[in-house]
Amino acid sequence: MKIIKKDGRLENFQIEKIKTSINNATLSCKSLLNESDLKVLCEDIKNKINTIRKDGSNTSSYEVIGVVIDVLKDDKFSDIISLYLNYKKN
């Protein structure tokens, strides 16, 4: 699957980039996510995107951000959402 970046470029979808973004967003927070939390979040994000794009069509960076927010909320990490959004703005 490919991801359409904000500037229109196409890249291969890489869950590791999402993992890094979430981890970097929480660095300023006292309650960092552990490796197990990150693994579960990334698996849930990947599964949700695959469900949305089961036809194999491209996703977008905007859709991925929305999925990350939904998964953080569903997995009871709502306190990280604002950190993640602030990180993605930069």
C-alpha atoms as a PDB file:
ATOM      1  CA  MET A   1       0.000   0.000   0.000  1.00  0.00           C
ATOM      2  CA  LYS A   2       1.140   3.536  -0.730  1.00  0.00           C
ATOM      3  CA  ILE A   3       0.529   6.688   1.257  1.00  0.00           C
ATOM      4  CA  ILE A   4      -0.148  10.027  -0.396  1.00  0.00           C
ATOM      5  CA  LYS A   5       1.914  12.595   1.482  1.00  0.00           C
ATOM      6  CA  LYS A   6       0.710  16.153   2.167  1.00  0.00           C
ATOM      7  CA  ASP A   7       2.801  17.449  -0.744  1.00  0.00           C
ATOM      8  CA  GLY A   8       1.322  14.854  -3.130  1.00  0.00           C
ATOM      9  CA  ARG A   9       4.281  12.449  -3.201  1.00  0.00           C
ATOM     10  CA  LEU A  10       3.641   8.713  -2.978  1.00  0.00           C
ATOM     11  CA  GLU A  11       5.602   6.609  -0.494  1.00  0.00           C
ATOM     12  CA  ASN A  12       5.353   3.039   0.688  1.00  0.00           C
ATOM     13  CA  PHE A  13       3.272   2.769   3.846  1.00  0.00           C
ATOM     14  CA  GLN A  14       5.635   2.142   6.768  1.00  0.00           C
ATOM     15  CA  ILE A  15       4.172   1.476  10.210  1.00  0.00           C
ATOM     16  CA  GLU A  16       7.611   2.174  11.722  1.00  0.00           C
ATOM     17  CA  LYS A  17       7.252   5.853  10.765  1.00  0.00           C
ATOM     18  CA  ILE A  18       3.964   6.043  12.669  1.00  0.00           C
ATOM     19  CA  LYS A  19       5.550   4.309  15.651  1.00  0.00           C
ATOM     20  CA  THR A  20       8.393   6.840  15.617  1.00  0.00           C
ATOM     21  CA  SER A  21       5.948   9.762  15.380  1.00  0.00           C
ATOM     22  CA  ILE A  22       3.898   8.549  18.341  1.00  0.00           C
ATOM     23  CA  ASN A  23       7.019   7.856  20.381  1.00  0.00           C
ATOM     24  CA  ASN A  24       8.565  11.252  19.554  1.00  0.00           C
ATOM     25  CA  ALA A  25       5.301  13.011  20.423  1.00  0.00           C
ATOM     26  CA  THR A  26       5.355  11.508  23.918  1.00  0.00           C
ATOM     27  CA  LEU A  27       8.982  12.344  24.718  1.00  0.00           C
ATOM     28  CA  SER A  28       7.939  15.533  26.509  1.00  0.00           C
ATOM     29  CA  CYS A  29       5.354  13.641  28.560  1.00  0.00           C
ATOM     30  CA  LYS A  30       6.268  12.048  31.873  1.00  0.00           C
ATOM     31  CA  SER A  31       4.265   8.904  31.149  1.00  0.00           C
ATOM     32  CA  LEU A  32       6.055   7.547  28.114  1.00  0.00           C
ATOM     33  CA  LEU A  33       4.600   4.644  26.239  1.00  0.00           C
ATOM     34  CA  ASN A  34       6.493   1.422  26.649  1.00  0.00           C
ATOM     35  CA  GLU A  35       7.468  -0.805  23.740  1.00  0.00           C
ATOM     36  CA  SER A  36       4.485  -3.084  24.348  1.00  0.00           C
ATOM     37  CA  ASP A  37       2.054  -0.135  24.197  1.00  0.00           C
ATOM     38  CA  LEU A  38       3.618   1.062  20.950  1.00  0.00           C
ATOM     39  CA  LYS A  39       3.441  -2.421  19.451  1.00  0.00           C
ATOM     40  CA  VAL A  40      -0.267  -2.771  20.274  1.00  0.00           C
ATOM     41  CA  LEU A  41      -1.065   0.731  18.996  1.00  0.00           C
ATOM     42  CA  CYS A  42       0.803   0.142  15.731  1.00  0.00           C
ATOM     43  CA  GLU A  43      -0.868  -3.212  15.179  1.00  0.00           C
ATOM     44  CA  ASP A  44      -4.302  -1.644  15.781  1.00  0.00           C
ATOM     45  CA  ILE A  45      -3.479   1.264  13.441  1.00  0.00           C
ATOM     46  CA  LYS A  46      -2.263  -1.081  10.713  1.00  0.00           C
ATOM     47  CA  ASN A  47      -5.357  -3.294  11.063  1.00  0.00           C
ATOM     48  CA  LYS A  48      -7.735  -0.324  10.912  1.00  0.00           C
ATOM     49  CA  ILE A  49      -6.047   1.112   7.808  1.00  0.00           C
ATOM     50  CA  ASN A  50      -6.092  -2.320   6.146  1.00  0.00           C
ATOM     51  CA  THR A  51      -9.813  -2.601   6.941  1.00  0.00           C
ATOM     52  CA  ILE A  52     -10.513   0.836   5.459  1.00  0.00           C
ATOM     53  CA  ARG A  53      -8.325   0.143   2.411  1.00  0.00           C
ATOM     54  CA  LYS A  54      -9.096  -3.557   1.969  1.00  0.00           C
ATOM     55  CA  ASP A  55      -9.162  -3.003  -1.793  1.00  0.00           C
ATOM     56  CA  GLY A  56      -5.457  -2.108  -1.611  1.00  0.00           C
ATOM     57  CA  SER A  57      -5.990   1.485  -2.691  1.00  0.00           C
ATOM     58  CA  ASN A  58      -3.706   4.247  -1.484  1.00  0.00           C
ATOM     59  CA  THR A  59      -4.256   5.961   1.830  1.00  0.00           C
ATOM     60  CA  SER A  60      -3.344   9.543   2.671  1.00  0.00           C
ATOM     61  CA  SER A  61      -1.351  11.108   5.466  1.00  0.00           C
ATOM     62  CA  TYR A  62      -4.561  12.835   6.590  1.00  0.00           C
ATOM     63  CA  GLU A  63      -6.408   9.522   6.797  1.00  0.00           C
ATOM     64  CA  VAL A  64      -3.528   7.980   8.746  1.00  0.00           C
ATOM     65  CA  ILE A  65      -3.563  10.855  11.253  1.00  0.00           C
ATOM     66  CA  GLY A  66      -7.317  10.325  11.723  1.00  0.00           C
ATOM     67  CA  VAL A  67      -6.821   6.598  12.261  1.00  0.00           C
ATOM     68  CA  VAL A  68      -4.022   7.229  14.774  1.00  0.00           C
ATOM     69  CA  ILE A  69      -6.314   9.571  16.728  1.00  0.00           C
ATOM     70  CA  ASP A  70      -9.160   7.019  16.682  1.00  0.00           C
ATOM     71  CA  VAL A  71      -6.879   4.207  17.840  1.00  0.00           C
ATOM     72  CA  LEU A  72      -5.340   6.318  20.611  1.00  0.00           C
ATOM     73  CA  LYS A  73      -8.869   7.106  21.800  1.00  0.00           C
ATOM     74  CA  ASP A  74     -10.092   3.499  21.481  1.00  0.00           C
ATOM     75  CA  ASP A  75      -7.018   2.120  23.265  1.00  0.00           C
ATOM     76  CA  LYS A  76      -7.439   4.572  26.172  1.00  0.00           C
ATOM     77  CA  PHE A  77      -4.485   6.826  25.328  1.00  0.00           C
ATOM     78  CA  SER A  78      -6.565   9.991  24.828  1.00  0.00           C
ATOM     79  CA  ASP A  79      -4.040  12.032  26.802  1.00  0.00           C
ATOM     80  CA  ILE A  80      -1.524  11.470  23.995  1.00  0.00           C
ATOM     81  CA  ILE A  81      -3.770  12.807  21.195  1.00  0.00           C
ATOM     82  CA  SER A  82      -2.904  16.479  21.733  1.00  0.00           C
ATOM     83  CA  LEU A  83       0.814  15.633  21.994  1.00  0.00           C
ATOM     84  CA  TYR A  84       0.597  13.705  18.722  1.00  0.00           C
ATOM     85  CA  LEU A  85      -1.289  16.484  16.921  1.00  0.00           C
ATOM     86  CA  ASN A  86       1.183  19.110  18.129  1.00  0.00           C
ATOM     87  CA  TYR A  87       4.056  16.922  16.959  1.00  0.00           C
ATOM     88  CA  LYS A  88       2.462  16.452  13.511  1.00  0.00           C
ATOM     89  CA  LYS A  89       2.060  20.242  13.108  1.00  0.00           C
ATOM     90  CA  ASN A  90       5.824  20.701  13.242  1.00  0.00           C
END
